[in-house]
């Protein structure tokens, strides 16, 4: 259980980092600020969730 939660946390961190540049592409090519901020906030939230999940399981 501990290693599964750790791997899920690391996967979420990786997914958050992969989607972060999409916000730059959206703002640059589509000129859609609302969508860019939404993608930026969403990728940051996924990364932070993964960070705390991975960190929390490593201390158990």
PDB file of N, CA and C in Angstrom:
ATOM      1  N   UNK A   1       0.829  -1.194   0.000  1.00  0.00           N
ATOM      2  CA  UNK A   1       0.000   0.000   0.000  1.00  0.00           C
ATOM      3  C   UNK A   1       0.871   1.255   0.000  1.00  0.00           C
ATOM      4  N   UNK A   2       1.920   1.218   0.795  1.00  0.00           N
ATOM      5  CA  UNK A   2       2.791   2.385   0.908  1.00  0.00           C
ATOM      6  C   UNK A   2       3.490   2.683  -0.413  1.00  0.00           C
ATOM      7  N   UNK A   3       4.002   1.646  -1.057  1.00  0.00           N
ATOM      8  CA  UNK A   3       4.711   1.877  -2.318  1.00  0.00           C
ATOM      9  C   UNK A   3       3.741   2.271  -3.432  1.00  0.00           C
ATOM     10  N   UNK A   4       2.510   1.773  -3.381  1.00  0.00           N
ATOM     11  CA  UNK A   4       1.533   2.142  -4.398  1.00  0.00           C
ATOM     12  C   UNK A   4       1.178   3.628  -4.282  1.00  0.00           C
ATOM     13  N   UNK A   5       0.968   4.105  -3.069  1.00  0.00           N
ATOM     14  CA  UNK A   5       0.662   5.524  -2.873  1.00  0.00           C
ATOM     15  C   UNK A   5       1.845   6.394  -3.271  1.00  0.00           C
ATOM     16  N   UNK A   6       3.040   5.936  -2.984  1.00  0.00           N
ATOM     17  CA  UNK A   6       4.240   6.688  -3.366  1.00  0.00           C
ATOM     18  C   UNK A   6       4.343   6.793  -4.888  1.00  0.00           C
ATOM     19  N   UNK A   7       4.094   5.679  -5.573  1.00  0.00           N
ATOM     20  CA  UNK A   7       4.164   5.696  -7.039  1.00  0.00           C
ATOM     21  C   UNK A   7       3.071   6.558  -7.648  1.00  0.00           C
ATOM     22  N   UNK A   8       1.888   6.529  -7.078  1.00  0.00           N
ATOM     23  CA  UNK A   8       0.807   7.378  -7.561  1.00  0.00           C
ATOM     24  C   UNK A   8       1.176   8.848  -7.370  1.00  0.00           C
ATOM     25  N   UNK A   9       1.768   9.170  -6.235  1.00  0.00           N
ATOM     26  CA  UNK A   9       2.202  10.544  -5.978  1.00  0.00           C
ATOM     27  C   UNK A   9       3.247  11.008  -6.973  1.00  0.00           C
ATOM     28  N   UNK A  10       4.222  10.155  -7.254  1.00  0.00           N
ATOM     29  CA  UNK A  10       5.259  10.517  -8.231  1.00  0.00           C
ATOM     30  C   UNK A  10       4.686  10.635  -9.635  1.00  0.00           C
ATOM     31  N   UNK A  11       3.714   9.790  -9.964  1.00  0.00           N
ATOM     32  CA  UNK A  11       3.076   9.866 -11.277  1.00  0.00           C
ATOM     33  C   UNK A  11       2.288  11.162 -11.414  1.00  0.00           C
ATOM     34  N   UNK A  12       1.609  11.569 -10.350  1.00  0.00           N
ATOM     35  CA  UNK A  12       0.882  12.835 -10.386  1.00  0.00           C
ATOM     36  C   UNK A  12       1.836  14.013 -10.524  1.00  0.00           C
ATOM     37  N   UNK A  13       2.978  13.950  -9.860  1.00  0.00           N
ATOM     38  CA  UNK A  13       3.970  15.010 -10.016  1.00  0.00           C
ATOM     39  C   UNK A  13       4.447  15.094 -11.458  1.00  0.00           C
ATOM     40  N   UNK A  14       4.718  13.951 -12.049  1.00  0.00           N
ATOM     41  CA  UNK A  14       5.179  13.911 -13.432  1.00  0.00           C
ATOM     42  C   UNK A  14       4.116  14.460 -14.378  1.00  0.00           C
ATOM     43  N   UNK A  15       2.862  14.087 -14.143  1.00  0.00           N
ATOM     44  CA  UNK A  15       1.770  14.578 -14.987  1.00  0.00           C
ATOM     45  C   UNK A  15       1.605  16.086 -14.854  1.00  0.00           C
ATOM     46  N   UNK A  16       1.750  16.591 -13.642  1.00  0.00           N
ATOM     47  CA  UNK A  16       1.666  18.044 -13.443  1.00  0.00           C
ATOM     48  C   UNK A  16       2.766  18.786 -14.154  1.00  0.00           C
ATOM     49  N   UNK A  17       3.961  18.229 -14.133  1.00  0.00           N
ATOM     50  CA  UNK A  17       5.074  18.872 -14.827  1.00  0.00           C
ATOM     51  C   UNK A  17       4.935  18.786 -16.341  1.00  0.00           C
ATOM     52  N   UNK A  18       4.337  17.723 -16.838  1.00  0.00           N
ATOM     53  CA  UNK A  18       4.152  17.592 -18.287  1.00  0.00           C
ATOM     54  C   UNK A  18       3.095  18.553 -18.819  1.00  0.00           C
ATOM     55  N   UNK A  19       2.052  18.828 -18.043  1.00  0.00           N
ATOM     56  CA  UNK A  19       0.985  19.699 -18.523  1.00  0.00           C
ATOM     57  C   UNK A  19       1.286  21.181 -18.317  1.00  0.00           C
ATOM     58  N   UNK A  20       2.276  21.510 -17.538  1.00  0.00           N
ATOM     59  CA  UNK A  20       2.601  22.912 -17.272  1.00  0.00           C
ATOM     60  C   UNK A  20       2.943  23.702 -18.539  1.00  0.00           C
ATOM     61  N   UNK A  21       3.760  23.196 -19.455  1.00  0.00           N
ATOM     62  CA  UNK A  21       4.050  23.977 -20.667  1.00  0.00           C
ATOM     63  C   UNK A  21       2.834  24.204 -21.569  1.00  0.00           C
ATOM     64  N   UNK A  22       1.793  23.420 -21.392  1.00  0.00           N
ATOM     65  CA  UNK A  22       0.581  23.617 -22.191  1.00  0.00           C
ATOM     66  C   UNK A  22      -0.044  24.984 -21.921  1.00  0.00           C
ATOM     67  N   UNK A  23       0.093  25.487 -20.712  1.00  0.00           N
ATOM     68  CA  UNK A  23      -0.442  26.810 -20.393  1.00  0.00           C
ATOM     69  C   UNK A  23       0.280  27.888 -21.205  1.00  0.00           C
ATOM     70  N   UNK A  24       1.562  27.728 -21.389  1.00  0.00           N
ATOM     71  CA  UNK A  24       2.331  28.695 -22.179  1.00  0.00           C
ATOM     72  C   UNK A  24       1.901  28.631 -23.642  1.00  0.00           C
ATOM     73  N   UNK A  25       1.706  27.414 -24.154  1.00  0.00           N
ATOM     74  CA  UNK A  25       1.284  27.262 -25.546  1.00  0.00           C
ATOM     75  C   UNK A  25      -0.102  27.868 -25.758  1.00  0.00           C
ATOM     76  N   UNK A  26      -1.000  27.644 -24.823  1.00  0.00           N
ATOM     77  CA  UNK A  26      -2.360  28.183 -24.954  1.00  0.00           C
ATOM     78  C   UNK A  26      -2.336  29.704 -24.951  1.00  0.00           C
ATOM     79  N   UNK A  27      -1.569  30.285 -24.052  1.00  0.00           N
ATOM     80  CA  UNK A  27      -1.543  31.743 -23.985  1.00  0.00           C
ATOM     81  C   UNK A  27      -0.846  32.350 -25.192  1.00  0.00           C
ATOM     82  N   UNK A  28       0.150  31.669 -25.730  1.00  0.00           N
ATOM     83  CA  UNK A  28       0.902  32.231 -26.849  1.00  0.00           C
ATOM     84  C   UNK A  28       0.177  32.075 -28.178  1.00  0.00           C
ATOM     85  N   UNK A  29      -0.373  30.906 -28.444  1.00  0.00           N
ATOM     86  CA  UNK A  29      -0.958  30.652 -29.755  1.00  0.00           C
ATOM     87  C   UNK A  29      -2.465  30.920 -29.812  1.00  0.00           C
ATOM     88  N   UNK A  30      -3.192  30.600 -28.770  1.00  0.00           N
ATOM     89  CA  UNK A  30      -4.640  30.819 -28.786  1.00  0.00           C
ATOM     90  C   UNK A  30      -5.037  32.176 -28.214  1.00  0.00           C
ATOM     91  N   UNK A  31      -4.146  32.813 -27.489  1.00  0.00           N
ATOM     92  CA  UNK A  31      -4.414  34.105 -26.829  1.00  0.00           C
ATOM     93  C   UNK A  31      -5.655  34.013 -25.944  1.00  0.00           C
ATOM     94  N   UNK A  32      -5.750  32.886 -25.222  1.00  0.00           N
ATOM     95  CA  UNK A  32      -6.878  32.644 -24.340  1.00  0.00           C
ATOM     96  C   UNK A  32      -6.349  32.616 -22.901  1.00  0.00           C
ATOM     97  N   UNK A  33      -6.445  33.759 -22.254  1.00  0.00           N
ATOM     98  CA  UNK A  33      -5.871  33.895 -20.916  1.00  0.00           C
ATOM     99  C   UNK A  33      -6.616  33.062 -19.875  1.00  0.00           C
ATOM    100  N   UNK A  34      -7.918  32.983 -19.992  1.00  0.00           N
ATOM    101  CA  UNK A  34      -8.716  32.227 -19.029  1.00  0.00           C
ATOM    102  C   UNK A  34      -8.350  30.742 -19.061  1.00  0.00           C
ATOM    103  N   UNK A  35      -8.192  30.180 -20.253  1.00  0.00           N
ATOM    104  CA  UNK A  35      -7.827  28.769 -20.381  1.00  0.00           C
ATOM    105  C   UNK A  35      -6.397  28.528 -19.908  1.00  0.00           C
ATOM    106  N   UNK A  36      -5.504  29.461 -20.189  1.00  0.00           N
ATOM    107  CA  UNK A  36      -4.115  29.318 -19.765  1.00  0.00           C
ATOM    108  C   UNK A  36      -3.992  29.315 -18.242  1.00  0.00           C
ATOM    109  N   UNK A  37      -4.732  30.194 -17.601  1.00  0.00           N
ATOM    110  CA  UNK A  37      -4.707  30.236 -16.136  1.00  0.00           C
ATOM    111  C   UNK A  37      -5.329  28.974 -15.552  1.00  0.00           C
ATOM    112  N   UNK A  38      -6.376  28.478 -16.178  1.00  0.00           N
ATOM    113  CA  UNK A  38      -7.001  27.234 -15.716  1.00  0.00           C
ATOM    114  C   UNK A  38      -6.070  26.041 -15.819  1.00  0.00           C
ATOM    115  N   UNK A  39      -5.357  25.934 -16.944  1.00  0.00           N
ATOM    116  CA  UNK A  39      -4.404  24.839 -17.116  1.00  0.00           C
ATOM    117  C   UNK A  39      -3.242  24.988 -16.137  1.00  0.00           C
ATOM    118  N   UNK A  40      -2.767  26.207 -15.945  1.00  0.00           N
ATOM    119  CA  UNK A  40      -1.678  26.455 -15.004  1.00  0.00           C
ATOM    120  C   UNK A  40      -2.074  26.082 -13.575  1.00  0.00           C
ATOM    121  N   UNK A  41      -3.241  26.516 -13.163  1.00  0.00           N
ATOM    122  CA  UNK A  41      -3.716  26.199 -11.810  1.00  0.00           C
ATOM    123  C   UNK A  41      -3.976  24.707 -11.641  1.00  0.00           C
ATOM    124  N   UNK A  42      -4.532  24.084 -12.663  1.00  0.00           N
ATOM    125  CA  UNK A  42      -4.796  22.652 -12.596  1.00  0.00           C
ATOM    126  C   UNK A  42      -3.531  21.826 -12.523  1.00  0.00           C
ATOM    127  N   UNK A  43      -2.531  22.179 -13.336  1.00  0.00           N
ATOM    128  CA  UNK A  43      -1.278  21.427 -13.308  1.00  0.00           C
ATOM    129  C   UNK A  43      -0.546  21.641 -11.986  1.00  0.00           C
ATOM    130  N   UNK A  44      -0.637  22.849 -11.446  1.00  0.00           N
ATOM    131  CA  UNK A  44      -0.019  23.099 -10.142  1.00  0.00           C
ATOM    132  C   UNK A  44      -0.724  22.302  -9.049  1.00  0.00           C
ATOM    133  N   UNK A  45      -2.046  22.225  -9.101  1.00  0.00           N
ATOM    134  CA  UNK A  45      -2.794  21.476  -8.088  1.00  0.00           C
ATOM    135  C   UNK A  45      -2.477  19.987  -8.160  1.00  0.00           C
ATOM    136  N   UNK A  46      -2.355  19.448  -9.372  1.00  0.00           N
ATOM    137  CA  UNK A  46      -2.013  18.027  -9.529  1.00  0.00           C
ATOM    138  C   UNK A  46      -0.604  17.770  -9.012  1.00  0.00           C
ATOM    139  N   UNK A  47       0.329  18.672  -9.293  1.00  0.00           N
ATOM    140  CA  UNK A  47       1.695  18.504  -8.812  1.00  0.00           C
ATOM    141  C   UNK A  47       1.751  18.544  -7.285  1.00  0.00           C
ATOM    142  N   UNK A  48       1.072  19.495  -6.691  1.00  0.00           N
ATOM    143  CA  UNK A  48       1.082  19.624  -5.223  1.00  0.00           C
ATOM    144  C   UNK A  48       0.423  18.415  -4.572  1.00  0.00           C
ATOM    145  N   UNK A  49      -0.667  17.924  -5.153  1.00  0.00           N
ATOM    146  CA  UNK A  49      -1.317  16.719  -4.627  1.00  0.00           C
ATOM    147  C   UNK A  49      -0.360  15.536  -4.667  1.00  0.00           C
ATOM    148  N   UNK A  50       0.337  15.381  -5.774  1.00  0.00           N
ATOM    149  CA  UNK A  50       1.319  14.302  -5.888  1.00  0.00           C
ATOM    150  C   UNK A  50       2.476  14.474  -4.936  1.00  0.00           C
ATOM    151  N   UNK A  51       2.898  15.709  -4.732  1.00  0.00           N
ATOM    152  CA  UNK A  51       3.998  15.977  -3.804  1.00  0.00           C
ATOM    153  C   UNK A  51       3.634  15.554  -2.388  1.00  0.00           C
ATOM    154  N   UNK A  52       2.468  15.983  -1.934  1.00  0.00           N
ATOM    155  CA  UNK A  52       2.076  15.646  -0.569  1.00  0.00           C
ATOM    156  C   UNK A  52       1.774  14.155  -0.410  1.00  0.00           C
ATOM    157  N   UNK A  53       1.269  13.532  -1.454  1.00  0.00           N
ATOM    158  CA  UNK A  53       1.020  12.092  -1.393  1.00  0.00           C
ATOM    159  C   UNK A  53       2.336  11.324  -1.306  1.00  0.00           C
ATOM    160  N   UNK A  54       3.311  11.703  -2.107  1.00  0.00           N
ATOM    161  CA  UNK A  54       4.612  11.027  -2.075  1.00  0.00           C
ATOM    162  C   UNK A  54       5.356  11.324  -0.781  1.00  0.00           C
ATOM    163  N   UNK A  55       5.290  12.540  -0.315  1.00  0.00           N
ATOM    164  CA  UNK A  55       5.981  12.916   0.916  1.00  0.00           C
ATOM    165  C   UNK A  55       5.345  12.277   2.138  1.00  0.00           C
ATOM    166  N   UNK A  56       4.020  12.211   2.132  1.00  0.00           N
ATOM    167  CA  UNK A  56       3.306  11.620   3.266  1.00  0.00           C
ATOM    168  C   UNK A  56       3.557  10.131   3.404  1.00  0.00           C
ATOM    169  N   UNK A  57       3.703   9.430   2.306  1.00  0.00           N
ATOM    170  CA  UNK A  57       3.945   7.994   2.385  1.00  0.00           C
ATOM    171  C   UNK A  57       5.395   7.677   2.695  1.00  0.00           C
ATOM    172  N   UNK A  58       6.299   8.611   2.434  1.00  0.00           N
ATOM    173  CA  UNK A  58       7.695   8.326   2.725  1.00  0.00           C
ATOM    174  C   UNK A  58       7.991   8.463   4.214  1.00  0.00           C
ATOM    175  N   UNK A  59       7.137   9.179   4.967  1.00  0.00           N
ATOM    176  CA  UNK A  59       7.357   9.360   6.402  1.00  0.00           C
ATOM    177  C   UNK A  59       6.705   8.283   7.244  1.00  0.00           C
ATOM    178  N   UNK A  60       5.876   7.442   6.623  1.00  0.00           N
ATOM    179  CA  UNK A  60       5.186   6.384   7.382  1.00  0.00           C
ATOM    180  C   UNK A  60       6.144   5.262   7.679  1.00  0.00           C
TER     181      UNK A  60
END
